[in-house]
Amino acid sequence: MLGKTSMRILKHAIAVVRPRGGVFDLDVDEEVCQSMVGFLEYLPAPTRLSFPLGLRLLEYGPFLFREGFRTFSSMDGETAARYLHHWERAGSAPSLLYQGVRALVFVCFYQHPRILEAMEVDWQGRADERVRFRARIMREQILREAAKTGLSSPTVRPAQQAIEGAPGEATVEPVAATPAPRRAPRKKAAAAAEGVEAGSSADEAKTPAGGAS
């Protein structure tokens, strides 16, 4: 997508903008450059097509900021950093170009696997930890609800097993649920009530009419 001249300018911009020192002293400029080129494919067409033109302006623009008649890619690190600082303070289109290049450099640099490893950042490990945490919270909530409603352990076990798929999760013993008091079946209660009413009717029938003498 980018020609040799554009790639040379971009690599020099990466070397000047990227962080240095400490854990960042790693030779990853070539991989970062390839990541930036791959990222350009997802930009809007006007931005993607005008990006090489912006790099040319960056390359041949030092004389605009009194840096002499030389190219950006031929500058040493300190002079190039001062030159880019002029672009940052220029405002309008030059400032937007500088901010765009710097943002691409930072995004691709900090997402490089070796840089993440140096910073001890493990995105997959953090995702697995969050899954295990949520599974534990859900299981504890199910067991608490079971204890409140009086459900037995066999009733809770299917729901508990459904959320135990998280890797590395410790087994939690089910809480013994207090059995709910048994109630008389409705049919038996209704039959008993009908028996009482029938007995009362029979007693009334035996009582002689007219009452006491």
Protein backbone atom coordinates (compact mmCIF):
# COMPACT_ATOMS: atom_id res chain seq x y z
CA MET A 1 0.00 0.00 0.00
CA LEU A 2 2.84 2.40 0.88
CA GLY A 3 5.91 2.89 -1.31
CA LYS A 4 9.53 2.71 -0.21
CA THR A 5 9.73 6.45 0.47
CA SER A 6 6.56 6.44 2.58
CA MET A 7 7.80 3.41 4.53
CA ARG A 8 11.12 5.12 5.22
CA ILE A 9 9.39 8.23 6.53
CA LEU A 10 6.99 6.17 8.64
CA LYS A 11 9.79 4.11 10.19
CA HIS A 12 11.69 7.25 11.14
CA ALA A 13 8.53 8.72 12.69
CA ILE A 14 8.09 5.52 14.73
CA ALA A 15 11.69 5.68 15.94
CA VAL A 16 11.20 9.28 17.10
CA VAL A 17 7.70 9.04 18.63
CA ARG A 18 7.77 5.62 20.35
CA PRO A 19 8.63 5.44 24.08
CA ARG A 20 12.19 4.67 25.08
CA GLY A 21 13.93 3.50 28.21
CA GLY A 22 13.35 0.75 30.75
CA VAL A 23 11.14 -2.11 29.56
CA PHE A 24 10.53 -0.30 26.26
CA ASP A 25 14.09 -0.77 24.97
CA LEU A 26 13.00 -3.50 22.57
CA ASP A 27 13.59 -3.68 18.84
CA VAL A 28 9.98 -3.81 17.64
CA ASP A 29 9.96 -0.90 15.17
CA GLU A 30 9.59 -3.14 12.11
CA GLU A 31 6.62 -5.02 13.60
CA VAL A 32 5.00 -1.77 14.70
CA CYS A 33 5.39 -0.37 11.19
CA GLN A 34 3.73 -3.44 9.67
CA SER A 35 0.88 -3.16 12.16
CA MET A 36 0.34 0.47 11.20
CA VAL A 37 0.26 -0.37 7.51
CA GLY A 38 -2.29 -3.10 8.19
CA PHE A 39 -4.37 -0.67 10.26
CA LEU A 40 -4.50 1.83 7.39
CA GLU A 41 -6.67 -0.57 5.38
CA TYR A 42 -9.56 0.01 7.81
CA LEU A 43 -9.46 3.80 7.60
CA PRO A 44 -11.91 5.75 5.40
CA ALA A 45 -10.88 6.00 1.77
CA PRO A 46 -10.08 9.76 1.83
CA THR A 47 -7.84 9.34 4.89
CA ARG A 48 -6.19 6.24 3.47
CA LEU A 49 -5.42 7.86 0.14
CA SER A 50 -4.18 11.15 1.63
CA PHE A 51 -1.91 9.51 4.21
CA PRO A 52 1.09 9.12 1.81
CA LEU A 53 0.71 12.79 0.86
CA GLY A 54 0.84 13.76 4.52
CA LEU A 55 4.03 11.75 4.96
CA ARG A 56 5.57 13.64 2.02
CA LEU A 57 4.70 16.94 3.67
CA LEU A 58 6.30 15.69 6.85
CA GLU A 59 9.41 14.65 4.95
CA TYR A 60 10.00 17.86 2.97
CA GLY A 61 8.61 20.41 5.44
CA PRO A 62 11.59 21.20 7.72
CA PHE A 63 12.36 24.46 5.90
CA LEU A 64 8.88 25.71 6.86
CA PHE A 65 9.95 25.66 10.54
CA ARG A 66 13.49 26.96 10.03
CA GLU A 67 15.08 23.55 10.32
CA GLY A 68 17.07 23.93 7.11
CA PHE A 69 16.77 22.40 3.68
CA ARG A 70 16.92 18.76 4.66
CA THR A 71 14.47 15.91 4.92
CA PHE A 72 12.81 14.59 8.05
CA SER A 73 14.15 11.05 7.58
CA SER A 74 17.74 12.38 7.53
CA MET A 75 17.47 14.13 10.91
CA ASP A 76 18.91 12.76 14.10
CA GLY A 77 16.56 11.83 16.95
CA GLU A 78 16.78 15.10 18.90
CA THR A 79 16.34 17.34 15.85
CA ALA A 80 13.48 15.20 14.53
CA ALA A 81 11.69 15.38 17.90
CA ARG A 82 12.01 19.18 17.90
CA TYR A 83 10.72 19.31 14.33
CA LEU A 84 7.67 17.18 15.21
CA HIS A 85 7.02 19.46 18.16
CA HIS A 86 6.69 22.33 15.66
CA TRP A 87 4.07 20.31 13.79
CA GLU A 88 2.18 19.68 17.02
CA ARG A 89 2.04 23.40 17.82
CA ALA A 90 1.27 24.51 14.26
CA GLY A 91 -2.47 23.88 14.55
CA SER A 92 -4.90 23.08 11.76
CA ALA A 93 -3.87 20.37 9.25
CA PRO A 94 -0.22 19.95 10.37
CA SER A 95 -1.29 19.38 13.97
CA LEU A 96 -3.95 16.86 12.92
CA LEU A 97 -1.41 14.97 10.81
CA TYR A 98 1.03 14.77 13.70
CA GLN A 99 -1.66 13.65 16.15
CA GLY A 100 -2.86 10.98 13.73
CA VAL A 101 0.63 9.54 13.19
CA ARG A 102 1.38 9.62 16.93
CA ALA A 103 -1.91 7.89 17.78
CA LEU A 104 -1.21 5.11 15.28
CA VAL A 105 2.30 4.64 16.65
CA PHE A 106 1.08 4.41 20.25
CA VAL A 107 -1.79 2.02 19.47
CA CYS A 108 0.37 -0.41 17.50
CA PHE A 109 3.31 -0.09 19.89
CA TYR A 110 1.43 -0.77 23.14
CA GLN A 111 -0.46 -3.69 21.60
CA HIS A 112 2.69 -5.47 20.49
CA PRO A 113 2.97 -8.88 22.26
CA ARG A 114 6.52 -8.25 23.46
CA ILE A 115 5.59 -4.86 24.88
CA LEU A 116 2.56 -6.34 26.66
CA GLU A 117 4.77 -9.05 28.09
CA ALA A 118 7.33 -6.49 29.26
CA MET A 119 4.56 -4.50 30.99
CA GLU A 120 3.18 -7.74 32.49
CA VAL A 121 -0.20 -7.22 30.86
CA ASP A 122 -2.17 -10.42 30.24
CA TRP A 123 -5.52 -9.60 28.64
CA GLN A 124 -6.55 -13.26 28.31
CA GLY A 125 -5.63 -13.97 31.91
CA ARG A 126 -7.70 -11.03 33.10
CA ALA A 127 -10.66 -12.21 31.02
CA ASP A 128 -10.43 -15.73 32.51
CA GLU A 129 -10.24 -14.24 36.01
CA ARG A 130 -13.39 -12.19 35.44
CA VAL A 131 -15.25 -15.27 34.16
CA ARG A 132 -14.27 -17.26 37.27
CA PHE A 133 -15.30 -14.37 39.52
CA ARG A 134 -18.73 -14.04 37.92
CA ALA A 135 -19.28 -17.82 38.08
CA ARG A 136 -18.49 -17.82 41.81
CA ILE A 137 -20.86 -14.91 42.47
CA MET A 138 -23.68 -16.57 40.51
CA ARG A 139 -23.21 -19.88 42.32
CA GLU A 140 -23.28 -18.23 45.74
CA GLN A 141 -26.42 -16.31 44.78
CA ILE A 142 -28.17 -19.49 43.65
CA LEU A 143 -27.28 -21.26 46.90
CA ARG A 144 -28.56 -18.33 48.98
CA GLU A 145 -31.84 -18.26 47.08
CA ALA A 146 -32.16 -22.01 47.54
CA ALA A 147 -31.66 -21.67 51.30
CA LYS A 148 -34.37 -18.97 51.49
CA THR A 149 -36.98 -20.85 49.47
CA GLY A 150 -36.27 -24.22 51.09
CA LEU A 151 -35.20 -26.03 47.94
CA SER A 152 -33.18 -29.20 48.40
CA SER A 153 -29.67 -29.72 47.04
CA PRO A 154 -30.75 -32.00 44.11
CA THR A 155 -32.99 -29.18 42.91
CA VAL A 156 -30.14 -26.66 42.98
CA ARG A 157 -27.49 -28.97 41.50
CA PRO A 158 -28.49 -28.59 37.77
CA ALA A 159 -28.25 -24.79 37.97
CA GLN A 160 -25.00 -25.03 39.90
CA GLN A 161 -23.46 -27.38 37.36
CA ALA A 162 -24.44 -25.05 34.51
CA ILE A 163 -22.10 -22.31 35.78
CA GLU A 164 -19.19 -24.50 36.86
CA GLY A 165 -17.53 -24.44 33.44
CA ALA A 166 -15.09 -21.68 34.39
CA PRO A 167 -11.49 -22.97 34.42
CA GLY A 168 -9.70 -23.21 37.73
CA GLU A 169 -12.80 -22.68 39.84
CA ALA A 170 -12.78 -24.26 43.27
CA THR A 171 -15.67 -26.52 44.23
CA VAL A 172 -18.13 -25.02 46.69
CA GLU A 173 -20.09 -27.37 48.92
CA PRO A 174 -23.87 -26.87 48.66
CA VAL A 175 -25.55 -25.28 51.66
CA ALA A 176 -27.99 -27.55 53.48
CA ALA A 177 -31.45 -26.18 52.88
CA THR A 178 -34.06 -26.12 55.67
CA PRO A 179 -37.06 -28.24 54.62
CA ALA A 180 -40.32 -26.35 54.42
CA PRO A 181 -43.21 -27.48 56.72
CA ARG A 182 -45.56 -29.92 55.06
CA ARG A 183 -49.12 -28.90 54.46
CA ALA A 184 -52.16 -31.14 54.27
CA PRO A 185 -53.21 -31.84 50.71
CA ARG A 186 -56.10 -29.74 49.51
CA LYS A 187 -58.26 -32.77 48.63
CA LYS A 188 -57.97 -34.28 52.11
CA ALA A 189 -58.71 -30.95 53.75
CA ALA A 190 -61.79 -30.47 51.58
CA ALA A 191 -63.03 -34.00 52.35
CA ALA A 192 -62.61 -33.40 56.09
CA ALA A 193 -64.59 -30.18 55.84
CA GLU A 194 -67.41 -31.91 53.99
CA GLY A 195 -67.48 -34.64 56.67
CA VAL A 196 -67.90 -32.05 59.43
CA GLU A 197 -70.74 -30.34 57.55
CA ALA A 198 -72.49 -33.69 56.94
CA GLY A 199 -72.29 -34.56 60.66
CA SER A 200 -73.80 -31.23 61.63
CA SER A 201 -76.71 -31.73 59.21
CA ALA A 202 -77.43 -35.19 60.62
CA ASP A 203 -77.55 -33.86 64.23
CA GLU A 204 -79.99 -31.14 63.21
CA ALA A 205 -82.22 -33.74 61.50
CA LYS A 206 -82.39 -35.84 64.70
CA THR A 207 -83.52 -32.88 66.84
CA PRO A 208 -87.41 -33.01 67.20
CA ALA A 209 -89.35 -30.15 65.71
CA GLY A 210 -90.66 -27.57 68.18
CA GLY A 211 -87.59 -27.63 70.38
CA ALA A 212 -87.75 -28.02 74.17
CA SER A 213 -91.19 -28.39 75.91
